[in-house]
């Protein structure tokens, strides 16, 4: 019965108290301790986060389905709302501290917007801080070579066609049989 729709299977897995024995949904507040819609850490000392069990797209589908059945949003866990960082034009002290804390922050637009001094190995340089990929470094030279080669392409094609025609005339036998 719980496999009828994604909403029923979600509730059967994550909040079984909201389903009656007959398979009907009882509007009960989400009671699980862990929010499957939010990222989590396996332990407080862990350095990395585990992604939410249900993606944002899947969460949206579940919410639409609950709304379609006329159920209250409380039967689903609260959505995870990502907090945005303050804008670079108005940084917080914590953000400035993090940027100043590293001596090797490369020259970036963020530092320019914050009017902070550039420190580390790229402090006195102008232009890009990193060398880039090899195709990025060679792109200008490659385009210049291509342009130079294309300038004389028509004349080269005509000369090649003429040389081929001449070689075919030379290859023909002088005798008619």
N, C-alpha and C. Protein backbone atom coordinates (compact mmCIF):
# COMPACT_ATOMS: atom_id res chain seq x y z
N UNK A 1 0.82 -1.19 0.00
CA UNK A 1 0.00 0.00 0.00
C UNK A 1 0.87 1.26 0.00
N UNK A 2 2.00 1.17 0.72
CA UNK A 2 2.85 2.35 0.84
C UNK A 2 3.58 2.67 -0.45
N UNK A 3 3.63 1.76 -1.40
CA UNK A 3 4.36 1.97 -2.64
C UNK A 3 3.51 2.67 -3.71
N UNK A 4 2.29 3.08 -3.37
CA UNK A 4 1.42 3.70 -4.36
C UNK A 4 2.03 4.94 -4.97
N UNK A 5 2.55 5.81 -4.16
CA UNK A 5 3.13 7.06 -4.63
C UNK A 5 4.43 7.32 -3.88
N UNK A 6 5.26 8.22 -4.40
CA UNK A 6 6.50 8.54 -3.69
C UNK A 6 6.25 9.10 -2.29
N UNK A 7 5.16 9.83 -2.11
CA UNK A 7 4.86 10.39 -0.79
C UNK A 7 4.57 9.28 0.22
N UNK A 8 3.78 8.28 -0.18
CA UNK A 8 3.46 7.18 0.72
C UNK A 8 4.72 6.39 1.07
N UNK A 9 5.56 6.12 0.08
CA UNK A 9 6.77 5.34 0.38
C UNK A 9 7.73 6.16 1.25
N UNK A 10 7.79 7.48 1.04
CA UNK A 10 8.62 8.33 1.89
C UNK A 10 8.14 8.27 3.34
N UNK A 11 6.83 8.44 3.53
CA UNK A 11 6.28 8.43 4.88
C UNK A 11 6.45 7.07 5.55
N UNK A 12 6.31 5.99 4.77
CA UNK A 12 6.49 4.65 5.34
C UNK A 12 7.91 4.45 5.83
N UNK A 13 8.87 5.02 5.11
CA UNK A 13 10.28 4.87 5.51
C UNK A 13 10.67 5.81 6.63
N UNK A 14 10.32 7.10 6.49
CA UNK A 14 10.86 8.13 7.38
C UNK A 14 9.94 8.50 8.55
N UNK A 15 8.64 8.39 8.39
CA UNK A 15 7.71 8.79 9.43
C UNK A 15 6.55 7.81 9.50
N UNK A 16 6.80 6.55 9.91
CA UNK A 16 5.75 5.53 9.86
C UNK A 16 4.55 5.83 10.76
N UNK A 17 4.70 6.72 11.74
CA UNK A 17 3.57 7.03 12.62
C UNK A 17 2.49 7.82 11.90
N UNK A 18 2.82 8.39 10.74
CA UNK A 18 1.82 9.18 10.01
C UNK A 18 0.95 8.32 9.11
N UNK A 19 1.19 7.00 9.07
CA UNK A 19 0.35 6.11 8.26
C UNK A 19 -0.45 5.18 9.18
N UNK A 20 -1.72 5.04 8.88
CA UNK A 20 -2.56 4.13 9.67
C UNK A 20 -2.38 2.71 9.12
N UNK A 21 -2.93 1.74 9.82
CA UNK A 21 -2.80 0.35 9.38
C UNK A 21 -3.55 0.11 8.06
N UNK A 22 -4.56 0.92 7.77
CA UNK A 22 -5.30 0.77 6.52
C UNK A 22 -4.58 1.46 5.35
N UNK A 23 -3.52 2.20 5.64
CA UNK A 23 -2.76 2.86 4.57
C UNK A 23 -3.14 4.31 4.37
N UNK A 24 -4.02 4.84 5.18
CA UNK A 24 -4.40 6.25 5.06
C UNK A 24 -3.36 7.12 5.79
N UNK A 25 -3.21 8.34 5.30
CA UNK A 25 -2.25 9.27 5.93
C UNK A 25 -2.93 10.00 7.07
N UNK A 26 -2.30 9.97 8.23
CA UNK A 26 -2.78 10.72 9.39
C UNK A 26 -1.91 11.97 9.49
N UNK A 27 -2.50 13.16 9.53
CA UNK A 27 -1.68 14.38 9.58
C UNK A 27 -0.97 14.54 10.93
N UNK A 28 0.15 13.82 11.09
CA UNK A 28 0.96 13.88 12.32
C UNK A 28 2.24 14.61 11.99
N UNK A 29 2.69 15.45 12.90
CA UNK A 29 3.95 16.18 12.71
C UNK A 29 5.10 15.20 12.51
N UNK A 30 6.06 15.57 11.66
CA UNK A 30 7.23 14.72 11.40
C UNK A 30 7.97 14.50 12.71
N UNK A 31 8.19 13.22 13.06
CA UNK A 31 8.69 12.92 14.40
C UNK A 31 10.11 12.37 14.44
N UNK A 32 10.73 12.13 13.30
CA UNK A 32 12.07 11.56 13.31
C UNK A 32 13.08 12.58 13.85
N UNK A 33 14.14 12.08 14.50
CA UNK A 33 15.16 12.96 15.06
C UNK A 33 16.04 13.57 13.98
N UNK A 34 16.38 12.79 12.96
CA UNK A 34 17.24 13.27 11.88
C UNK A 34 16.40 13.82 10.75
N UNK A 35 16.82 14.95 10.22
CA UNK A 35 16.13 15.55 9.09
C UNK A 35 16.77 15.02 7.81
N UNK A 36 16.05 14.19 7.02
CA UNK A 36 16.65 13.65 5.80
C UNK A 36 16.76 14.69 4.68
N UNK A 37 16.22 15.88 4.91
CA UNK A 37 16.28 16.94 3.90
C UNK A 37 17.48 17.85 4.10
N UNK A 38 18.23 17.69 5.20
CA UNK A 38 19.35 18.57 5.51
C UNK A 38 20.66 17.80 5.50
N UNK A 39 21.77 18.46 5.11
CA UNK A 39 23.07 17.79 5.20
C UNK A 39 23.42 17.50 6.66
N UNK A 40 24.23 16.48 6.88
CA UNK A 40 24.56 16.11 8.26
C UNK A 40 26.00 15.66 8.35
N UNK A 41 26.49 15.56 9.60
CA UNK A 41 27.81 15.02 9.85
C UNK A 41 27.63 13.68 10.55
N UNK A 42 28.52 12.75 10.25
CA UNK A 42 28.40 11.44 10.88
C UNK A 42 28.72 11.53 12.37
N UNK A 43 29.62 12.44 12.72
CA UNK A 43 29.93 12.67 14.13
C UNK A 43 30.36 14.13 14.28
N UNK A 44 30.28 14.69 15.49
CA UNK A 44 30.68 16.09 15.65
C UNK A 44 32.14 16.36 15.29
N UNK A 45 32.99 15.35 15.43
CA UNK A 45 34.40 15.56 15.11
C UNK A 45 34.71 15.34 13.63
N UNK A 46 33.73 14.88 12.85
CA UNK A 46 33.96 14.65 11.42
C UNK A 46 34.20 15.97 10.70
N UNK A 47 35.09 15.94 9.72
CA UNK A 47 35.40 17.16 8.98
C UNK A 47 34.51 17.34 7.75
N UNK A 48 33.95 16.26 7.25
CA UNK A 48 33.16 16.37 6.03
C UNK A 48 31.67 16.16 6.33
N UNK A 49 30.87 16.70 5.44
CA UNK A 49 29.41 16.61 5.56
C UNK A 49 28.90 15.54 4.64
N UNK A 50 27.79 14.93 5.04
CA UNK A 50 27.09 13.97 4.20
C UNK A 50 25.93 14.71 3.54
N UNK A 51 25.75 14.46 2.25
CA UNK A 51 24.67 15.13 1.52
C UNK A 51 23.32 14.72 2.08
N UNK A 52 22.28 15.54 1.87
CA UNK A 52 20.94 15.17 2.34
C UNK A 52 20.50 13.86 1.68
N UNK A 53 19.69 13.12 2.38
CA UNK A 53 19.21 11.83 1.86
C UNK A 53 18.31 12.05 0.64
N UNK A 54 17.58 13.14 0.63
CA UNK A 54 16.69 13.47 -0.47
C UNK A 54 17.13 14.79 -1.09
N UNK A 55 17.29 14.79 -2.41
CA UNK A 55 17.73 15.99 -3.11
C UNK A 55 16.66 17.08 -3.04
N UNK A 56 17.04 18.28 -3.38
CA UNK A 56 16.11 19.41 -3.35
C UNK A 56 14.97 19.17 -4.36
N UNK A 57 15.31 18.60 -5.51
CA UNK A 57 14.28 18.30 -6.51
C UNK A 57 13.27 17.30 -5.94
N UNK A 58 13.78 16.27 -5.29
CA UNK A 58 12.92 15.24 -4.70
C UNK A 58 12.07 15.83 -3.57
N UNK A 59 12.65 16.71 -2.76
CA UNK A 59 11.91 17.36 -1.68
C UNK A 59 10.75 18.17 -2.26
N UNK A 60 11.04 18.86 -3.36
CA UNK A 60 10.00 19.67 -3.99
C UNK A 60 8.86 18.80 -4.50
N UNK A 61 9.21 17.65 -5.07
CA UNK A 61 8.17 16.73 -5.55
C UNK A 61 7.31 16.22 -4.39
N UNK A 62 7.95 15.88 -3.27
CA UNK A 62 7.20 15.40 -2.11
C UNK A 62 6.27 16.48 -1.57
N UNK A 63 6.76 17.72 -1.53
CA UNK A 63 5.92 18.82 -1.04
C UNK A 63 4.73 19.06 -1.97
N UNK A 64 4.95 18.98 -3.28
CA UNK A 64 3.86 19.15 -4.24
C UNK A 64 2.81 18.05 -4.07
N UNK A 65 3.29 16.83 -3.85
CA UNK A 65 2.37 15.72 -3.70
C UNK A 65 1.56 15.85 -2.42
N UNK A 66 2.21 16.30 -1.33
CA UNK A 66 1.49 16.49 -0.07
C UNK A 66 0.43 17.58 -0.25
N UNK A 67 0.78 18.62 -0.98
CA UNK A 67 -0.17 19.71 -1.24
C UNK A 67 -1.32 19.20 -2.11
N UNK A 68 -1.02 18.32 -3.05
CA UNK A 68 -2.05 17.78 -3.93
C UNK A 68 -3.06 16.94 -3.14
N UNK A 69 -2.60 16.21 -2.13
CA UNK A 69 -3.49 15.42 -1.28
C UNK A 69 -4.16 16.28 -0.21
N UNK A 70 -3.79 17.55 -0.13
CA UNK A 70 -4.38 18.44 0.86
C UNK A 70 -3.86 18.19 2.26
N UNK A 71 -2.64 17.73 2.37
CA UNK A 71 -2.06 17.43 3.68
C UNK A 71 -1.25 18.62 4.19
N UNK A 72 -1.16 18.77 5.49
CA UNK A 72 -0.35 19.87 6.02
C UNK A 72 1.14 19.61 5.78
N UNK A 73 1.91 20.68 5.64
CA UNK A 73 3.34 20.56 5.37
C UNK A 73 4.11 20.00 6.57
N UNK A 74 3.48 19.93 7.76
CA UNK A 74 4.16 19.46 8.95
C UNK A 74 4.46 17.97 8.92
N UNK A 75 3.78 17.22 8.04
CA UNK A 75 4.07 15.77 7.99
C UNK A 75 5.43 15.52 7.35
N UNK A 76 5.95 16.51 6.63
CA UNK A 76 7.29 16.40 6.04
C UNK A 76 8.28 17.14 6.93
N UNK A 77 9.55 16.75 6.89
CA UNK A 77 10.54 17.48 7.68
C UNK A 77 10.69 18.91 7.16
N UNK A 78 11.18 19.81 7.98
CA UNK A 78 11.36 21.18 7.50
C UNK A 78 12.41 21.22 6.39
N UNK A 79 12.22 22.09 5.39
CA UNK A 79 13.19 22.15 4.30
C UNK A 79 14.51 22.73 4.78
N UNK A 80 15.57 22.33 4.12
CA UNK A 80 16.89 22.89 4.45
C UNK A 80 17.08 24.14 3.61
N UNK A 81 17.25 25.27 4.26
CA UNK A 81 17.44 26.53 3.57
C UNK A 81 18.89 26.94 3.75
N UNK A 82 19.60 27.01 2.64
CA UNK A 82 21.01 27.35 2.68
C UNK A 82 21.15 28.84 2.98
N UNK A 83 21.93 29.16 3.99
CA UNK A 83 22.12 30.56 4.33
C UNK A 83 23.18 31.14 3.41
N UNK A 84 22.92 32.30 2.88
CA UNK A 84 23.87 32.91 1.95
C UNK A 84 24.91 33.71 2.71
N UNK A 85 26.07 33.82 2.11
CA UNK A 85 27.14 34.62 2.70
C UNK A 85 26.81 36.10 2.51
N UNK A 86 27.34 36.94 3.36
CA UNK A 86 27.12 38.37 3.15
C UNK A 86 27.76 38.82 1.85
N UNK A 87 27.22 39.87 1.29
CA UNK A 87 27.75 40.36 0.01
C UNK A 87 29.17 40.89 0.19
N UNK A 88 30.00 40.80 -0.87
CA UNK A 88 31.38 41.27 -0.74
C UNK A 88 31.48 42.77 -0.45
N UNK A 89 30.44 43.54 -0.83
CA UNK A 89 30.50 44.97 -0.57
C UNK A 89 30.28 45.29 0.90
N UNK A 90 29.64 44.38 1.64
CA UNK A 90 29.38 44.61 3.06
C UNK A 90 29.75 43.34 3.85
N UNK A 91 31.05 43.04 3.97
CA UNK A 91 31.45 41.79 4.63
C UNK A 91 31.32 41.88 6.14
N UNK A 92 31.18 40.72 6.74
CA UNK A 92 31.16 40.66 8.19
C UNK A 92 32.59 40.54 8.70
N UNK A 93 32.77 40.75 10.00
CA UNK A 93 34.11 40.63 10.58
C UNK A 93 34.65 39.22 10.44
N UNK A 94 33.77 38.22 10.57
CA UNK A 94 34.20 36.83 10.45
C UNK A 94 34.73 36.55 9.05
N UNK A 95 34.05 37.08 8.03
CA UNK A 95 34.48 36.87 6.66
C UNK A 95 35.83 37.54 6.42
N UNK A 96 35.99 38.75 6.92
CA UNK A 96 37.28 39.44 6.77
C UNK A 96 38.38 38.69 7.49
N UNK A 97 38.08 38.15 8.67
CA UNK A 97 39.08 37.42 9.43
C UNK A 97 39.54 36.18 8.66
N UNK A 98 38.57 35.48 8.03
CA UNK A 98 38.93 34.29 7.28
C UNK A 98 39.81 34.63 6.08
N UNK A 99 39.50 35.73 5.41
CA UNK A 99 40.30 36.11 4.25
C UNK A 99 41.67 36.61 4.66
N UNK A 100 41.77 37.32 5.78
CA UNK A 100 43.06 37.83 6.23
C UNK A 100 43.89 36.73 6.87
N UNK A 101 43.22 35.67 7.34
CA UNK A 101 43.93 34.62 8.06
C UNK A 101 44.92 33.86 7.20
N UNK A 102 44.67 33.74 5.91
CA UNK A 102 45.56 32.99 5.04
C UNK A 102 46.55 33.93 4.39
N UNK A 103 47.85 33.59 4.47
CA UNK A 103 48.87 34.44 3.88
C UNK A 103 48.98 34.19 2.38
N UNK A 104 48.39 33.11 1.89
CA UNK A 104 48.59 32.73 0.50
C UNK A 104 47.31 32.85 -0.32
N UNK A 105 46.48 33.83 0.00
CA UNK A 105 45.27 34.06 -0.78
C UNK A 105 45.68 34.75 -2.08
N UNK A 106 45.38 34.15 -3.25
CA UNK A 106 45.78 34.77 -4.51
C UNK A 106 44.98 36.03 -4.78
N UNK A 107 45.48 36.82 -5.70
CA UNK A 107 44.81 38.06 -6.07
C UNK A 107 43.48 37.72 -6.74
N UNK A 108 42.38 38.20 -6.17
CA UNK A 108 41.07 37.90 -6.72
C UNK A 108 40.19 39.14 -6.69
N UNK A 109 39.06 39.03 -7.37
CA UNK A 109 38.11 40.14 -7.37
C UNK A 109 37.54 40.38 -5.98
N UNK A 110 37.39 39.31 -5.19
CA UNK A 110 36.83 39.47 -3.85
C UNK A 110 37.74 40.36 -3.01
N UNK A 111 39.04 40.11 -3.08
CA UNK A 111 39.98 40.93 -2.32
C UNK A 111 39.97 42.37 -2.81
N UNK A 112 39.83 42.53 -4.13
CA UNK A 112 39.77 43.90 -4.66
C UNK A 112 38.53 44.62 -4.16
N UNK A 113 37.40 43.90 -4.14
CA UNK A 113 36.16 44.53 -3.67
C UNK A 113 36.24 44.87 -2.19
N UNK A 114 36.92 44.04 -1.43
CA UNK A 114 37.05 44.29 0.00
C UNK A 114 38.17 45.30 0.30
N UNK A 115 38.92 45.69 -0.72
CA UNK A 115 40.03 46.61 -0.59
C UNK A 115 41.03 46.10 0.45
N UNK A 116 41.33 44.81 0.37
CA UNK A 116 42.28 44.21 1.30
C UNK A 116 43.63 44.09 0.61
N UNK A 117 44.68 44.08 1.38
CA UNK A 117 46.00 43.95 0.80
C UNK A 117 46.23 42.50 0.38
N UNK A 118 46.93 42.33 -0.74
CA UNK A 118 47.19 41.00 -1.26
C UNK A 118 48.50 40.51 -0.67
N UNK A 119 48.48 39.31 -0.11
CA UNK A 119 49.67 38.76 0.52
C UNK A 119 50.03 37.46 -0.14
N UNK A 120 51.21 36.99 0.09
CA UNK A 120 51.63 35.70 -0.42
C UNK A 120 52.42 35.82 -1.70
N UNK A 121 52.58 34.74 -2.42
CA UNK A 121 53.45 34.73 -3.59
C UNK A 121 52.94 35.56 -4.76
N UNK A 122 51.67 35.95 -4.77
CA UNK A 122 51.12 36.70 -5.89
C UNK A 122 50.91 38.17 -5.56
N UNK A 123 51.47 38.65 -4.45
CA UNK A 123 51.15 39.99 -3.99
C UNK A 123 51.61 41.09 -4.94
N UNK A 124 52.78 40.98 -5.56
CA UNK A 124 53.27 42.05 -6.41
C UNK A 124 52.95 41.88 -7.87
N UNK A 125 52.31 40.82 -8.25
CA UNK A 125 52.08 40.53 -9.66
C UNK A 125 50.84 41.23 -10.19
N UNK A 126 50.89 41.50 -11.48
CA UNK A 126 49.71 42.03 -12.16
C UNK A 126 49.15 40.91 -13.01
N UNK A 127 47.86 40.93 -13.27
CA UNK A 127 47.25 39.92 -14.12
C UNK A 127 46.81 38.70 -13.34
N UNK A 128 46.67 37.61 -14.06
CA UNK A 128 46.14 36.40 -13.46
C UNK A 128 47.12 35.81 -12.46
N UNK A 129 46.58 35.27 -11.37
CA UNK A 129 47.43 34.72 -10.34
C UNK A 129 47.93 33.34 -10.71
N UNK A 130 47.16 32.57 -11.45
CA UNK A 130 47.55 31.21 -11.76
C UNK A 130 47.84 31.07 -13.24
N UNK A 131 48.67 30.12 -13.59
CA UNK A 131 49.13 29.98 -14.96
C UNK A 131 48.05 29.49 -15.91
N UNK A 132 47.05 28.81 -15.44
CA UNK A 132 45.98 28.32 -16.29
C UNK A 132 46.35 27.00 -16.95
N UNK A 133 45.43 26.45 -17.72
CA UNK A 133 45.67 25.20 -18.43
C UNK A 133 46.54 25.48 -19.64
N UNK A 134 47.18 24.42 -20.16
CA UNK A 134 48.09 24.61 -21.28
C UNK A 134 47.33 25.09 -22.51
N UNK A 135 46.10 24.63 -22.72
CA UNK A 135 45.35 25.07 -23.89
C UNK A 135 44.98 26.55 -23.76
N UNK A 136 44.81 27.03 -22.52
CA UNK A 136 44.51 28.45 -22.31
C UNK A 136 45.74 29.31 -22.61
N UNK A 137 46.91 28.81 -22.22
CA UNK A 137 48.14 29.57 -22.44
C UNK A 137 48.50 29.61 -23.92
N UNK A 138 48.22 28.55 -24.65
CA UNK A 138 48.62 28.48 -26.06
C UNK A 138 47.52 28.93 -27.02
N UNK A 139 46.38 29.33 -26.51
CA UNK A 139 45.23 29.65 -27.37
C UNK A 139 45.52 30.82 -28.30
N UNK A 140 46.09 31.91 -27.79
CA UNK A 140 46.34 33.10 -28.62
C UNK A 140 47.29 32.78 -29.75
N UNK A 141 48.38 32.07 -29.46
CA UNK A 141 49.36 31.72 -30.48
C UNK A 141 48.74 30.80 -31.52
N UNK A 142 47.92 29.85 -31.08
CA UNK A 142 47.27 28.92 -32.00
C UNK A 142 46.31 29.66 -32.93
N UNK A 143 45.54 30.61 -32.38
CA UNK A 143 44.61 31.38 -33.21
C UNK A 143 45.36 32.27 -34.20
N UNK A 144 46.49 32.85 -33.77
CA UNK A 144 47.29 33.68 -34.67
C UNK A 144 47.87 32.84 -35.81
N UNK A 145 48.38 31.64 -35.49
CA UNK A 145 48.90 30.75 -36.53
C UNK A 145 47.80 30.35 -37.51
N UNK A 146 46.63 30.03 -36.98
CA UNK A 146 45.51 29.64 -37.83
C UNK A 146 45.10 30.78 -38.76
N UNK A 147 45.08 31.99 -38.25
CA UNK A 147 44.71 33.16 -39.06
C UNK A 147 45.74 33.38 -40.17
N UNK A 148 47.03 33.23 -39.82
CA UNK A 148 48.10 33.41 -40.81
C UNK A 148 47.99 32.35 -41.90
N UNK A 149 47.70 31.10 -41.53
CA UNK A 149 47.58 30.02 -42.51
C UNK A 149 46.36 30.20 -43.40
N UNK A 150 45.27 30.71 -42.84
CA UNK A 150 44.05 30.89 -43.63
C UNK A 150 44.15 32.05 -44.61
N UNK A 151 45.06 33.00 -44.34
CA UNK A 151 45.20 34.15 -45.25
C UNK A 151 45.65 33.70 -46.65
N UNK A 152 46.57 32.76 -46.73
CA UNK A 152 47.06 32.31 -48.03
C UNK A 152 46.44 31.01 -48.49
N UNK A 153 45.34 30.60 -47.86
CA UNK A 153 44.75 29.30 -48.17
C UNK A 153 44.22 29.22 -49.60
N UNK A 154 43.59 30.27 -50.11
CA UNK A 154 43.01 30.23 -51.46
C UNK A 154 44.11 30.08 -52.52
N UNK A 155 45.18 30.85 -52.36
CA UNK A 155 46.28 30.77 -53.32
C UNK A 155 46.93 29.38 -53.26
N UNK A 156 47.09 28.83 -52.08
CA UNK A 156 47.69 27.49 -51.95
C UNK A 156 46.79 26.45 -52.60
N UNK A 157 45.48 26.57 -52.42
CA UNK A 157 44.55 25.61 -53.01
C UNK A 157 44.61 25.67 -54.53
N UNK A 158 44.66 26.88 -55.10
CA UNK A 158 44.75 27.03 -56.56
C UNK A 158 46.05 26.43 -57.09
N UNK A 159 47.16 26.68 -56.38
CA UNK A 159 48.45 26.14 -56.81
C UNK A 159 48.45 24.62 -56.74
N UNK A 160 47.85 24.06 -55.73
CA UNK A 160 47.80 22.60 -55.59
C UNK A 160 46.97 21.98 -56.72
N UNK A 161 45.80 22.61 -57.01
CA UNK A 161 44.94 22.10 -58.08
C UNK A 161 45.66 22.15 -59.43
N UNK A 162 46.39 23.25 -59.66
CA UNK A 162 47.12 23.39 -60.92
C UNK A 162 48.22 22.34 -61.02
N UNK A 163 48.95 22.11 -59.93
CA UNK A 163 50.02 21.11 -59.92
C UNK A 163 49.45 19.72 -60.16
N UNK A 164 48.31 19.41 -59.58
CA UNK A 164 47.68 18.11 -59.81
C UNK A 164 47.25 17.96 -61.27
N UNK A 165 46.68 19.01 -61.84
CA UNK A 165 46.25 18.96 -63.24
C UNK A 165 47.47 18.77 -64.15
N UNK A 166 48.57 19.48 -63.86
CA UNK A 166 49.80 19.34 -64.66
C UNK A 166 50.34 17.92 -64.56
N UNK A 167 50.33 17.34 -63.37
CA UNK A 167 50.87 15.98 -63.22
C UNK A 167 49.99 14.96 -63.95
N UNK A 168 48.68 15.21 -64.03
CA UNK A 168 47.81 14.30 -64.77
C UNK A 168 48.07 14.40 -66.27
N UNK A 169 48.34 15.62 -66.75
CA UNK A 169 48.64 15.81 -68.18
C UNK A 169 49.95 15.10 -68.50
N UNK A 170 50.95 15.19 -67.62
CA UNK A 170 52.24 14.54 -67.86
C UNK A 170 52.10 13.02 -67.83
N UNK A 171 51.19 12.51 -67.04
CA UNK A 171 51.04 11.07 -66.89
C UNK A 171 50.32 10.42 -68.08
N UNK A 172 49.65 11.23 -68.90
CA UNK A 172 48.93 10.67 -70.03
C UNK A 172 49.96 10.18 -71.08
N UNK A 173 49.68 9.05 -71.71
CA UNK A 173 50.62 8.58 -72.75
C UNK A 173 50.52 9.45 -74.00
N UNK A 174 51.61 9.54 -74.73
CA UNK A 174 51.65 10.36 -75.94
C UNK A 174 50.95 9.65 -77.11
N UNK A 175 50.94 8.35 -77.05
CA UNK A 175 50.31 7.58 -78.13
C UNK A 175 48.80 7.45 -77.87
N UNK A 176 48.00 7.49 -78.92
CA UNK A 176 46.55 7.45 -78.75
C UNK A 176 46.00 6.09 -78.40
N UNK A 177 46.73 5.01 -78.44
CA UNK A 177 46.17 3.67 -78.18
C UNK A 177 46.59 3.11 -76.87
